[in-house]
Amino acid sequence: MDINRVKQILSSPAEIEVQYNGVSVWIDDIKEDDATAIVHLVGGIEEQTEVDIESLKEV
């Protein structure tokens, strides 16, 4: 995924499914300088993880 699509997803009122390593995640924030996103598991604990934007996949 690219950074522009992540921005679109963050600003969208729709629920857009995004996966990281085959697991559904919510995107909480992006760090443009590092090209990373802060995510947490859908329906899981609220623990956040920083991941490379390129490793995210829109389903």
N, C-alpha and C. Protein backbone atom coordinates (compact mmCIF):
# COMPACT_ATOMS: atom_id res chain seq x y z
N MET A 1 0.86 -1.16 0.00
CA MET A 1 0.00 0.00 0.00
C MET A 1 0.91 1.23 0.00
N ASP A 2 0.41 2.33 -0.54
CA ASP A 2 1.21 3.55 -0.52
C ASP A 2 0.65 4.55 0.49
N ILE A 3 1.45 5.54 0.82
CA ILE A 3 1.10 6.48 1.88
C ILE A 3 -0.15 7.28 1.56
N ASN A 4 -0.38 7.60 0.28
CA ASN A 4 -1.58 8.35 -0.09
C ASN A 4 -2.84 7.55 0.17
N ARG A 5 -2.81 6.25 -0.10
CA ARG A 5 -3.98 5.41 0.16
C ARG A 5 -4.24 5.30 1.66
N VAL A 6 -3.18 5.21 2.46
CA VAL A 6 -3.35 5.17 3.92
C VAL A 6 -4.03 6.44 4.41
N LYS A 7 -3.64 7.59 3.87
CA LYS A 7 -4.27 8.86 4.24
C LYS A 7 -5.75 8.85 3.87
N GLN A 8 -6.08 8.32 2.69
CA GLN A 8 -7.48 8.24 2.26
C GLN A 8 -8.29 7.36 3.20
N ILE A 9 -7.72 6.23 3.58
CA ILE A 9 -8.41 5.31 4.48
C ILE A 9 -8.64 5.97 5.84
N LEU A 10 -7.63 6.66 6.34
CA LEU A 10 -7.76 7.34 7.64
C LEU A 10 -8.86 8.40 7.62
N SER A 11 -9.01 9.09 6.51
CA SER A 11 -10.00 10.17 6.45
C SER A 11 -11.38 9.70 6.00
N SER A 12 -11.49 8.44 5.60
CA SER A 12 -12.76 7.92 5.11
C SER A 12 -13.71 7.56 6.25
N PRO A 13 -15.00 7.88 6.09
CA PRO A 13 -15.98 7.47 7.11
C PRO A 13 -16.34 5.98 6.98
N ALA A 14 -15.98 5.37 5.87
CA ALA A 14 -16.30 3.95 5.64
C ALA A 14 -15.31 3.05 6.36
N GLU A 15 -15.76 1.83 6.66
CA GLU A 15 -14.87 0.83 7.22
C GLU A 15 -14.19 0.12 6.07
N ILE A 16 -12.90 0.31 5.93
CA ILE A 16 -12.13 -0.30 4.86
C ILE A 16 -11.20 -1.33 5.48
N GLU A 17 -11.35 -2.57 5.04
CA GLU A 17 -10.55 -3.64 5.64
C GLU A 17 -9.11 -3.57 5.16
N VAL A 18 -8.20 -3.57 6.13
CA VAL A 18 -6.77 -3.55 5.86
C VAL A 18 -6.15 -4.69 6.64
N GLN A 19 -5.21 -5.37 6.00
CA GLN A 19 -4.53 -6.48 6.68
C GLN A 19 -3.03 -6.25 6.75
N TYR A 20 -2.46 -6.77 7.82
CA TYR A 20 -1.01 -6.80 8.00
C TYR A 20 -0.65 -8.25 8.29
N ASN A 21 0.15 -8.85 7.44
CA ASN A 21 0.52 -10.27 7.57
C ASN A 21 -0.70 -11.17 7.67
N GLY A 22 -1.74 -10.85 6.89
CA GLY A 22 -2.93 -11.69 6.84
C GLY A 22 -3.90 -11.49 7.99
N VAL A 23 -3.64 -10.51 8.85
CA VAL A 23 -4.50 -10.25 10.00
C VAL A 23 -5.13 -8.87 9.83
N SER A 24 -6.45 -8.76 10.07
CA SER A 24 -7.14 -7.48 9.94
C SER A 24 -6.70 -6.51 11.04
N VAL A 25 -6.38 -5.27 10.62
CA VAL A 25 -5.93 -4.25 11.56
C VAL A 25 -6.65 -2.94 11.28
N TRP A 26 -6.69 -2.09 12.31
CA TRP A 26 -7.14 -0.70 12.16
C TRP A 26 -5.90 0.16 12.07
N ILE A 27 -5.92 1.14 11.17
CA ILE A 27 -4.83 2.10 11.09
C ILE A 27 -5.18 3.26 12.02
N ASP A 28 -4.32 3.52 12.98
CA ASP A 28 -4.55 4.58 13.96
C ASP A 28 -3.90 5.90 13.54
N ASP A 29 -2.73 5.80 12.93
CA ASP A 29 -1.98 7.00 12.59
C ASP A 29 -0.90 6.63 11.58
N ILE A 30 -0.32 7.64 10.94
CA ILE A 30 0.81 7.39 10.06
C ILE A 30 1.98 8.28 10.45
N LYS A 31 3.16 7.80 10.17
CA LYS A 31 4.39 8.57 10.36
C LYS A 31 5.02 8.72 8.97
N GLU A 32 4.73 9.85 8.34
CA GLU A 32 5.18 10.05 6.97
C GLU A 32 6.70 10.02 6.84
N ASP A 33 7.42 10.57 7.82
CA ASP A 33 8.88 10.61 7.74
C ASP A 33 9.50 9.22 7.67
N ASP A 34 8.87 8.26 8.37
CA ASP A 34 9.39 6.89 8.42
C ASP A 34 8.68 5.95 7.45
N ALA A 35 7.61 6.44 6.80
CA ALA A 35 6.75 5.61 5.94
C ALA A 35 6.24 4.40 6.72
N THR A 36 5.77 4.68 7.96
CA THR A 36 5.21 3.63 8.80
C THR A 36 3.81 4.03 9.25
N ALA A 37 3.07 3.04 9.72
CA ALA A 37 1.73 3.26 10.23
C ALA A 37 1.63 2.65 11.62
N ILE A 38 0.82 3.28 12.46
CA ILE A 38 0.53 2.73 13.79
C ILE A 38 -0.80 2.00 13.65
N VAL A 39 -0.81 0.71 13.97
CA VAL A 39 -2.00 -0.11 13.79
C VAL A 39 -2.30 -0.90 15.06
N HIS A 40 -3.55 -1.40 15.16
CA HIS A 40 -3.90 -2.37 16.20
C HIS A 40 -4.87 -3.38 15.60
N LEU A 41 -4.96 -4.54 16.21
CA LEU A 41 -5.79 -5.62 15.71
C LEU A 41 -7.27 -5.28 15.77
N VAL A 42 -8.01 -5.66 14.74
CA VAL A 42 -9.46 -5.49 14.74
C VAL A 42 -10.06 -6.48 15.73
N GLY A 43 -10.89 -5.98 16.64
CA GLY A 43 -11.57 -6.85 17.59
C GLY A 43 -10.66 -7.43 18.66
N GLY A 44 -9.45 -6.97 18.69
CA GLY A 44 -8.50 -7.51 19.67
C GLY A 44 -8.13 -6.47 20.70
N ILE A 45 -7.03 -6.71 21.34
CA ILE A 45 -6.56 -5.75 22.34
C ILE A 45 -6.12 -4.47 21.64
N GLU A 46 -6.08 -3.40 22.39
CA GLU A 46 -5.77 -2.09 21.83
C GLU A 46 -4.27 -1.83 21.72
N GLU A 47 -3.45 -2.88 21.87
CA GLU A 47 -2.01 -2.70 21.77
C GLU A 47 -1.64 -2.26 20.35
N GLN A 48 -0.88 -1.18 20.26
CA GLN A 48 -0.51 -0.65 18.96
C GLN A 48 0.87 -1.14 18.55
N THR A 49 1.03 -1.26 17.22
CA THR A 49 2.29 -1.70 16.64
C THR A 49 2.63 -0.78 15.48
N GLU A 50 3.89 -0.48 15.30
CA GLU A 50 4.33 0.34 14.17
C GLU A 50 4.81 -0.60 13.07
N VAL A 51 4.26 -0.43 11.86
CA VAL A 51 4.59 -1.31 10.74
C VAL A 51 4.89 -0.49 9.49
N ASP A 52 5.62 -1.07 8.55
CA ASP A 52 5.88 -0.41 7.28
C ASP A 52 4.60 -0.31 6.48
N ILE A 53 4.34 0.85 5.91
CA ILE A 53 3.14 1.05 5.12
C ILE A 53 3.08 0.07 3.96
N GLU A 54 4.22 -0.24 3.36
CA GLU A 54 4.26 -1.16 2.22
C GLU A 54 3.78 -2.57 2.59
N SER A 55 3.81 -2.91 3.88
CA SER A 55 3.39 -4.25 4.30
C SER A 55 1.90 -4.34 4.55
N LEU A 56 1.17 -3.22 4.44
CA LEU A 56 -0.28 -3.23 4.61
C LEU A 56 -0.95 -3.56 3.29
N LYS A 57 -2.07 -4.29 3.38
CA LYS A 57 -2.81 -4.68 2.18
C LYS A 57 -4.30 -4.39 2.37
N GLU A 58 -4.86 -3.70 1.39
CA GLU A 58 -6.29 -3.43 1.41
C GLU A 58 -7.01 -4.66 0.88
N VAL A 59 -8.07 -5.08 1.58
CA VAL A 59 -8.79 -6.30 1.19
C VAL A 59 -10.05 -5.92 0.43
